[in-house]
């Protein structure tokens, strides 16, 4: 057990944000099926299972920033 009187405070500003699927969809504009298809093709971040019923993603904002940094002419055209 951790002694709370001597534990260092947690800096929430540097902790990764855990996003649920609804937040990932909102942040990326991707649908549920697109997220899982891209995960299967190793083109999107893998989820972390917090429990049997809860999965979360981290680093989604960084992923979006990388995608936005790719020049438009280098992105594949959707079929």
PDB file of N, CA and C in Angstrom:
ATOM      1  N   UNK A   1       0.835  -1.181   0.000  1.00  0.00           N
ATOM      2  CA  UNK A   1       0.000   0.000   0.000  1.00  0.00           C
ATOM      3  C   UNK A   1       0.881   1.246   0.000  1.00  0.00           C
ATOM      4  N   UNK A   2       0.494   2.260  -0.738  1.00  0.00           N
ATOM      5  CA  UNK A   2       1.256   3.502  -0.847  1.00  0.00           C
ATOM      6  C   UNK A   2       0.911   4.418   0.318  1.00  0.00           C
ATOM      7  N   UNK A   3       1.940   4.952   0.934  1.00  0.00           N
ATOM      8  CA  UNK A   3       1.744   5.918   2.010  1.00  0.00           C
ATOM      9  C   UNK A   3       1.438   7.267   1.369  1.00  0.00           C
ATOM     10  N   UNK A   4       0.205   7.710   1.460  1.00  0.00           N
ATOM     11  CA  UNK A   4      -0.244   8.945   0.810  1.00  0.00           C
ATOM     12  C   UNK A   4       0.471  10.180   1.334  1.00  0.00           C
ATOM     13  N   UNK A   5       0.987  10.131   2.551  1.00  0.00           N
ATOM     14  CA  UNK A   5       1.642  11.311   3.121  1.00  0.00           C
ATOM     15  C   UNK A   5       2.988  11.595   2.452  1.00  0.00           C
ATOM     16  N   UNK A   6       3.622  10.577   1.863  1.00  0.00           N
ATOM     17  CA  UNK A   6       4.921  10.780   1.227  1.00  0.00           C
ATOM     18  C   UNK A   6       4.874  10.625  -0.289  1.00  0.00           C
ATOM     19  N   UNK A   7       3.726  10.273  -0.835  1.00  0.00           N
ATOM     20  CA  UNK A   7       3.618  10.084  -2.284  1.00  0.00           C
ATOM     21  C   UNK A   7       3.714  11.426  -2.997  1.00  0.00           C
ATOM     22  N   UNK A   8       4.460  11.441  -4.094  1.00  0.00           N
ATOM     23  CA  UNK A   8       4.593  12.666  -4.885  1.00  0.00           C
ATOM     24  C   UNK A   8       3.276  12.961  -5.578  1.00  0.00           C
ATOM     25  N   UNK A   9       2.928  14.244  -5.726  1.00  0.00           N
ATOM     26  CA  UNK A   9       1.677  14.577  -6.430  1.00  0.00           C
ATOM     27  C   UNK A   9       1.766  14.178  -7.901  1.00  0.00           C
ATOM     28  N   UNK A  10       0.655  13.806  -8.460  1.00  0.00           N
ATOM     29  CA  UNK A  10       0.591  13.403  -9.865  1.00  0.00           C
ATOM     30  C   UNK A  10       0.359  14.632 -10.729  1.00  0.00           C
ATOM     31  N   UNK A  11       1.190  14.819 -11.730  1.00  0.00           N
ATOM     32  CA  UNK A  11       1.038  15.930 -12.662  1.00  0.00           C
ATOM     33  C   UNK A  11       0.125  15.467 -13.799  1.00  0.00           C
ATOM     34  N   UNK A  12      -1.139  15.865 -13.748  1.00  0.00           N
ATOM     35  CA  UNK A  12      -2.107  15.426 -14.741  1.00  0.00           C
ATOM     36  C   UNK A  12      -1.854  16.009 -16.123  1.00  0.00           C
ATOM     37  N   UNK A  13      -1.057  17.087 -16.186  1.00  0.00           N
ATOM     38  CA  UNK A  13      -0.767  17.708 -17.480  1.00  0.00           C
ATOM     39  C   UNK A  13       0.117  16.835 -18.360  1.00  0.00           C
ATOM     40  N   UNK A  14       0.929  15.960 -17.752  1.00  0.00           N
ATOM     41  CA  UNK A  14       1.830  15.142 -18.558  1.00  0.00           C
ATOM     42  C   UNK A  14       1.355  13.697 -18.689  1.00  0.00           C
ATOM     43  N   UNK A  15       0.277  13.344 -18.003  1.00  0.00           N
ATOM     44  CA  UNK A  15      -0.262  11.992 -18.109  1.00  0.00           C
ATOM     45  C   UNK A  15      -1.007  11.836 -19.430  1.00  0.00           C
ATOM     46  N   UNK A  16      -0.901  10.664 -20.060  1.00  0.00           N
ATOM     47  CA  UNK A  16      -1.663  10.462 -21.297  1.00  0.00           C
ATOM     48  C   UNK A  16      -3.156  10.439 -21.006  1.00  0.00           C
ATOM     49  N   UNK A  17      -3.926  11.029 -21.884  1.00  0.00           N
ATOM     50  CA  UNK A  17      -5.384  11.048 -21.729  1.00  0.00           C
ATOM     51  C   UNK A  17      -5.933   9.753 -22.292  1.00  0.00           C
ATOM     52  N   UNK A  18      -6.785   9.096 -21.534  1.00  0.00           N
ATOM     53  CA  UNK A  18      -7.417   7.857 -21.979  1.00  0.00           C
ATOM     54  C   UNK A  18      -8.747   8.206 -22.630  1.00  0.00           C
ATOM     55  N   UNK A  19      -8.889   7.868 -23.906  1.00  0.00           N
ATOM     56  CA  UNK A  19     -10.093   8.218 -24.656  1.00  0.00           C
ATOM     57  C   UNK A  19     -10.948   6.989 -24.901  1.00  0.00           C
ATOM     58  N   UNK A  20     -12.225   7.126 -24.660  1.00  0.00           N
ATOM     59  CA  UNK A  20     -13.180   6.074 -24.996  1.00  0.00           C
ATOM     60  C   UNK A  20     -13.511   6.201 -26.476  1.00  0.00           C
ATOM     61  N   UNK A  21     -14.181   5.187 -27.033  1.00  0.00           N
ATOM     62  CA  UNK A  21     -14.424   5.154 -28.471  1.00  0.00           C
ATOM     63  C   UNK A  21     -15.193   6.381 -28.975  1.00  0.00           C
ATOM     64  N   UNK A  22     -16.171   6.848 -28.232  1.00  0.00           N
ATOM     65  CA  UNK A  22     -16.939   8.015 -28.683  1.00  0.00           C
ATOM     66  C   UNK A  22     -16.039   9.244 -28.828  1.00  0.00           C
ATOM     67  N   UNK A  23     -15.064   9.391 -27.930  1.00  0.00           N
ATOM     68  CA  UNK A  23     -14.138  10.517 -28.010  1.00  0.00           C
ATOM     69  C   UNK A  23     -13.160  10.338 -29.177  1.00  0.00           C
ATOM     70  N   UNK A  24     -12.747   9.102 -29.434  1.00  0.00           N
ATOM     71  CA  UNK A  24     -11.850   8.828 -30.565  1.00  0.00           C
ATOM     72  C   UNK A  24     -12.561   9.145 -31.874  1.00  0.00           C
ATOM     73  N   UNK A  25     -13.812   8.724 -31.980  1.00  0.00           N
ATOM     74  CA  UNK A  25     -14.589   9.014 -33.190  1.00  0.00           C
ATOM     75  C   UNK A  25     -14.737  10.519 -33.389  1.00  0.00           C
ATOM     76  N   UNK A  26     -14.997  11.246 -32.321  1.00  0.00           N
ATOM     77  CA  UNK A  26     -15.148  12.703 -32.409  1.00  0.00           C
ATOM     78  C   UNK A  26     -13.821  13.366 -32.786  1.00  0.00           C
ATOM     79  N   UNK A  27     -12.713  12.904 -32.208  1.00  0.00           N
ATOM     80  CA  UNK A  27     -11.402  13.517 -32.458  1.00  0.00           C
ATOM     81  C   UNK A  27     -10.880  13.234 -33.861  1.00  0.00           C
ATOM     82  N   UNK A  28     -11.218  12.068 -34.414  1.00  0.00           N
ATOM     83  CA  UNK A  28     -10.666  11.671 -35.710  1.00  0.00           C
ATOM     84  C   UNK A  28     -11.639  11.828 -36.870  1.00  0.00           C
ATOM     85  N   UNK A  29     -12.919  11.823 -36.580  1.00  0.00           N
ATOM     86  CA  UNK A  29     -13.919  11.844 -37.639  1.00  0.00           C
ATOM     87  C   UNK A  29     -14.147  10.471 -38.245  1.00  0.00           C
ATOM     88  N   UNK A  30     -13.532   9.443 -37.669  1.00  0.00           N
ATOM     89  CA  UNK A  30     -13.672   8.079 -38.178  1.00  0.00           C
ATOM     90  C   UNK A  30     -14.879   7.397 -37.555  1.00  0.00           C
ATOM     91  N   UNK A  31     -15.484   6.491 -38.292  1.00  0.00           N
ATOM     92  CA  UNK A  31     -16.592   5.698 -37.767  1.00  0.00           C
ATOM     93  C   UNK A  31     -16.041   4.519 -36.972  1.00  0.00           C
ATOM     94  N   UNK A  32     -16.941   3.856 -36.259  1.00  0.00           N
ATOM     95  CA  UNK A  32     -16.578   2.659 -35.501  1.00  0.00           C
ATOM     96  C   UNK A  32     -15.899   1.633 -36.404  1.00  0.00           C
ATOM     97  N   UNK A  33     -16.534   1.338 -37.543  1.00  0.00           N
ATOM     98  CA  UNK A  33     -15.988   0.314 -38.444  1.00  0.00           C
ATOM     99  C   UNK A  33     -14.663   0.758 -39.064  1.00  0.00           C
ATOM    100  N   UNK A  34     -14.521   2.035 -39.355  1.00  0.00           N
ATOM    101  CA  UNK A  34     -13.266   2.532 -39.931  1.00  0.00           C
ATOM    102  C   UNK A  34     -12.125   2.417 -38.925  1.00  0.00           C
ATOM    103  N   UNK A  35     -12.398   2.716 -37.668  1.00  0.00           N
ATOM    104  CA  UNK A  35     -11.374   2.606 -36.624  1.00  0.00           C
ATOM    105  C   UNK A  35     -10.863   1.171 -36.554  1.00  0.00           C
ATOM    106  N   UNK A  36     -11.783   0.206 -36.490  1.00  0.00           N
ATOM    107  CA  UNK A  36     -11.372  -1.188 -36.358  1.00  0.00           C
ATOM    108  C   UNK A  36     -10.728  -1.721 -37.631  1.00  0.00           C
ATOM    109  N   UNK A  37     -11.179  -1.280 -38.793  1.00  0.00           N
ATOM    110  CA  UNK A  37     -10.550  -1.695 -40.050  1.00  0.00           C
ATOM    111  C   UNK A  37      -9.123  -1.152 -40.129  1.00  0.00           C
ATOM    112  N   UNK A  38      -8.928   0.090 -39.704  1.00  0.00           N
ATOM    113  CA  UNK A  38      -7.591   0.677 -39.719  1.00  0.00           C
ATOM    114  C   UNK A  38      -6.693   0.026 -38.667  1.00  0.00           C
ATOM    115  N   UNK A  39      -7.255  -0.349 -37.528  1.00  0.00           N
ATOM    116  CA  UNK A  39      -6.481  -1.073 -36.522  1.00  0.00           C
ATOM    117  C   UNK A  39      -6.012  -2.411 -37.091  1.00  0.00           C
ATOM    118  N   UNK A  40      -6.910  -3.104 -37.772  1.00  0.00           N
ATOM    119  CA  UNK A  40      -6.589  -4.409 -38.367  1.00  0.00           C
ATOM    120  C   UNK A  40      -5.484  -4.283 -39.410  1.00  0.00           C
ATOM    121  N   UNK A  41      -5.490  -3.169 -40.149  1.00  0.00           N
ATOM    122  CA  UNK A  41      -4.485  -2.928 -41.183  1.00  0.00           C
ATOM    123  C   UNK A  41      -3.236  -2.239 -40.628  1.00  0.00           C
ATOM    124  N   UNK A  42      -3.161  -2.098 -39.306  1.00  0.00           N
ATOM    125  CA  UNK A  42      -2.033  -1.444 -38.622  1.00  0.00           C
ATOM    126  C   UNK A  42      -1.846   0.006 -39.077  1.00  0.00           C
ATOM    127  N   UNK A  43      -2.966   0.691 -39.359  1.00  0.00           N
ATOM    128  CA  UNK A  43      -2.916   2.093 -39.764  1.00  0.00           C
ATOM    129  C   UNK A  43      -3.505   3.013 -38.708  1.00  0.00           C
ATOM    130  N   UNK A  44      -3.903   2.428 -37.579  1.00  0.00           N
ATOM    131  CA  UNK A  44      -4.440   3.214 -36.469  1.00  0.00           C
ATOM    132  C   UNK A  44      -3.960   2.598 -35.171  1.00  0.00           C
ATOM    133  N   UNK A  45      -4.003   3.367 -34.135  1.00  0.00           N
ATOM    134  CA  UNK A  45      -3.537   2.952 -32.816  1.00  0.00           C
ATOM    135  C   UNK A  45      -4.329   1.771 -32.276  1.00  0.00           C
ATOM    136  N   UNK A  46      -3.654   0.900 -31.560  1.00  0.00           N
ATOM    137  CA  UNK A  46      -4.324  -0.209 -30.887  1.00  0.00           C
ATOM    138  C   UNK A  46      -4.958   0.293 -29.598  1.00  0.00           C
ATOM    139  N   UNK A  47      -6.062  -0.290 -29.246  1.00  0.00           N
ATOM    140  CA  UNK A  47      -6.727   0.058 -27.994  1.00  0.00           C
ATOM    141  C   UNK A  47      -6.059  -0.659 -26.827  1.00  0.00           C
ATOM    142  N   UNK A  48      -6.252  -0.128 -25.639  1.00  0.00           N
ATOM    143  CA  UNK A  48      -5.784  -0.754 -24.410  1.00  0.00           C
ATOM    144  C   UNK A  48      -7.019  -1.194 -23.639  1.00  0.00           C
ATOM    145  N   UNK A  49      -7.048  -2.441 -23.250  1.00  0.00           N
ATOM    146  CA  UNK A  49      -8.196  -2.934 -22.498  1.00  0.00           C
ATOM    147  C   UNK A  49      -7.986  -2.647 -21.017  1.00  0.00           C
ATOM    148  N   UNK A  50      -8.864  -1.813 -20.465  1.00  0.00           N
ATOM    149  CA  UNK A  50      -8.809  -1.455 -19.057  1.00  0.00           C
ATOM    150  C   UNK A  50      -9.501  -2.524 -18.224  1.00  0.00           C
ATOM    151  N   UNK A  51     -10.561  -3.068 -18.757  1.00  0.00           N
ATOM    152  CA  UNK A  51     -11.288  -4.168 -18.123  1.00  0.00           C
ATOM    153  C   UNK A  51     -11.940  -4.979 -19.235  1.00  0.00           C
ATOM    154  N   UNK A  52     -12.728  -5.963 -18.861  1.00  0.00           N
ATOM    155  CA  UNK A  52     -13.405  -6.771 -19.885  1.00  0.00           C
ATOM    156  C   UNK A  52     -14.376  -5.946 -20.719  1.00  0.00           C
ATOM    157  N   UNK A  53     -14.921  -4.887 -20.137  1.00  0.00           N
ATOM    158  CA  UNK A  53     -15.937  -4.093 -20.821  1.00  0.00           C
ATOM    159  C   UNK A  53     -15.446  -2.720 -21.274  1.00  0.00           C
ATOM    160  N   UNK A  54     -14.222  -2.350 -20.931  1.00  0.00           N
ATOM    161  CA  UNK A  54     -13.754  -0.994 -21.229  1.00  0.00           C
ATOM    162  C   UNK A  54     -12.442  -1.042 -21.996  1.00  0.00           C
ATOM    163  N   UNK A  55     -12.433  -0.375 -23.138  1.00  0.00           N
ATOM    164  CA  UNK A  55     -11.209  -0.208 -23.929  1.00  0.00           C
ATOM    165  C   UNK A  55     -10.988   1.283 -24.124  1.00  0.00           C
ATOM    166  N   UNK A  56      -9.731   1.687 -24.128  1.00  0.00           N
ATOM    167  CA  UNK A  56      -9.387   3.098 -24.294  1.00  0.00           C
ATOM    168  C   UNK A  56      -8.233   3.219 -25.281  1.00  0.00           C
ATOM    169  N   UNK A  57      -8.047   4.399 -25.785  1.00  0.00           N
ATOM    170  CA  UNK A  57      -6.930   4.705 -26.666  1.00  0.00           C
ATOM    171  C   UNK A  57      -6.139   5.854 -26.054  1.00  0.00           C
ATOM    172  N   UNK A  58      -4.846   5.862 -26.318  1.00  0.00           N
ATOM    173  CA  UNK A  58      -3.989   6.981 -25.934  1.00  0.00           C
ATOM    174  C   UNK A  58      -3.313   7.490 -27.199  1.00  0.00           C
ATOM    175  N   UNK A  59      -2.698   8.616 -27.127  1.00  0.00           N
ATOM    176  CA  UNK A  59      -1.928   9.176 -28.243  1.00  0.00           C
ATOM    177  C   UNK A  59      -2.755   9.483 -29.487  1.00  0.00           C
ATOM    178  N   UNK A  60      -4.063   9.607 -29.341  1.00  0.00           N
ATOM    179  CA  UNK A  60      -4.920   9.879 -30.501  1.00  0.00           C
ATOM    180  C   UNK A  60      -4.632  11.260 -31.075  1.00  0.00           C
ATOM    181  N   UNK A  61      -4.459  12.243 -30.216  1.00  0.00           N
ATOM    182  CA  UNK A  61      -4.198  13.612 -30.691  1.00  0.00           C
ATOM    183  C   UNK A  61      -2.879  13.657 -31.459  1.00  0.00           C
ATOM    184  N   UNK A  62      -1.858  12.956 -30.979  1.00  0.00           N
ATOM    185  CA  UNK A  62      -0.576  12.909 -31.690  1.00  0.00           C
ATOM    186  C   UNK A  62      -0.749  12.232 -33.051  1.00  0.00           C
ATOM    187  N   UNK A  63      -1.564  11.174 -33.111  1.00  0.00           N
ATOM    188  CA  UNK A  63      -1.828  10.486 -34.379  1.00  0.00           C
ATOM    189  C   UNK A  63      -2.498  11.437 -35.366  1.00  0.00           C
ATOM    190  N   UNK A  64      -3.478  12.193 -34.907  1.00  0.00           N
ATOM    191  CA  UNK A  64      -4.179  13.159 -35.762  1.00  0.00           C
ATOM    192  C   UNK A  64      -3.190  14.203 -36.278  1.00  0.00           C
ATOM    193  N   UNK A  65      -2.306  14.690 -35.417  1.00  0.00           N
ATOM    194  CA  UNK A  65      -1.323  15.690 -35.835  1.00  0.00           C
ATOM    195  C   UNK A  65      -0.384  15.140 -36.900  1.00  0.00           C
ATOM    196  N   UNK A  66       0.004  13.877 -36.783  1.00  0.00           N
ATOM    197  CA  UNK A  66       0.860  13.249 -37.800  1.00  0.00           C
ATOM    198  C   UNK A  66       0.111  13.158 -39.120  1.00  0.00           C
ATOM    199  N   UNK A  67      -1.141  12.714 -39.083  1.00  0.00           N
ATOM    200  CA  UNK A  67      -1.937  12.588 -40.307  1.00  0.00           C
ATOM    201  C   UNK A  67      -2.113  13.953 -40.974  1.00  0.00           C
ATOM    202  N   UNK A  68      -2.360  14.974 -40.182  1.00  0.00           N
ATOM    203  CA  UNK A  68      -2.536  16.317 -40.746  1.00  0.00           C
ATOM    204  C   UNK A  68      -1.246  16.872 -41.332  1.00  0.00           C
ATOM    205  N   UNK A  69      -0.108  16.408 -40.854  1.00  0.00           N
ATOM    206  CA  UNK A  69       1.183  16.894 -41.350  1.00  0.00           C
ATOM    207  C   UNK A  69       1.569  16.261 -42.685  1.00  0.00           C
ATOM    208  N   UNK A  70       0.901  15.179 -43.085  1.00  0.00           N
ATOM    209  CA  UNK A  70       1.199  14.529 -44.358  1.00  0.00           C
ATOM    210  C   UNK A  70       0.615  15.377 -45.488  1.00  0.00           C
ATOM    211  N   UNK A  71       1.415  15.741 -46.474  1.00  0.00           N
ATOM    212  CA  UNK A  71       0.895  16.550 -47.584  1.00  0.00           C
ATOM    213  C   UNK A  71      -0.269  15.845 -48.295  1.00  0.00           C
ATOM    214  N   UNK A  72      -1.232  16.618 -48.728  1.00  0.00           N
ATOM    215  CA  UNK A  72      -2.433  16.073 -49.363  1.00  0.00           C
ATOM    216  C   UNK A  72      -2.099  15.203 -50.564  1.00  0.00           C
ATOM    217  N   UNK A  73      -1.098  15.571 -51.337  1.00  0.00           N
ATOM    218  CA  UNK A  73      -0.768  14.777 -52.531  1.00  0.00           C
ATOM    219  C   UNK A  73      -0.064  13.464 -52.189  1.00  0.00           C
ATOM    220  N   UNK A  74       0.334  13.283 -50.936  1.00  0.00           N
ATOM    221  CA  UNK A  74       0.976  12.028 -50.505  1.00  0.00           C
ATOM    222  C   UNK A  74      -0.020  11.074 -49.853  1.00  0.00           C
ATOM    223  N   UNK A  75      -1.243  11.531 -49.615  1.00  0.00           N
ATOM    224  CA  UNK A  75      -2.246  10.686 -48.977  1.00  0.00           C
ATOM    225  C   UNK A  75      -2.930   9.831 -50.036  1.00  0.00           C
ATOM    226  N   UNK A  76      -3.217   8.562 -49.693  1.00  0.00           N
ATOM    227  CA  UNK A  76      -3.908   7.715 -50.660  1.00  0.00           C
ATOM    228  C   UNK A  76      -5.342   8.201 -50.882  1.00  0.00           C
ATOM    229  N   UNK A  77      -5.813   8.026 -52.098  1.00  0.00           N
ATOM    230  CA  UNK A  77      -7.197   8.398 -52.444  1.00  0.00           C
ATOM    231  C   UNK A  77      -8.118   7.262 -52.034  1.00  0.00           C
ATOM    232  N   UNK A  78      -9.177   7.600 -51.323  1.00  0.00           N
ATOM    233  CA  UNK A  78     -10.125   6.582 -50.862  1.00  0.00           C
ATOM    234  C   UNK A  78     -10.850   5.981 -52.052  1.00  0.00           C
ATOM    235  N   UNK A  79     -11.121   4.693 -51.967  1.00  0.00           N
ATOM    236  CA  UNK A  79     -11.827   4.018 -53.062  1.00  0.00           C
ATOM    237  C   UNK A  79     -13.306   4.236 -52.982  1.00  0.00           C
TER     238      UNK A  79
END
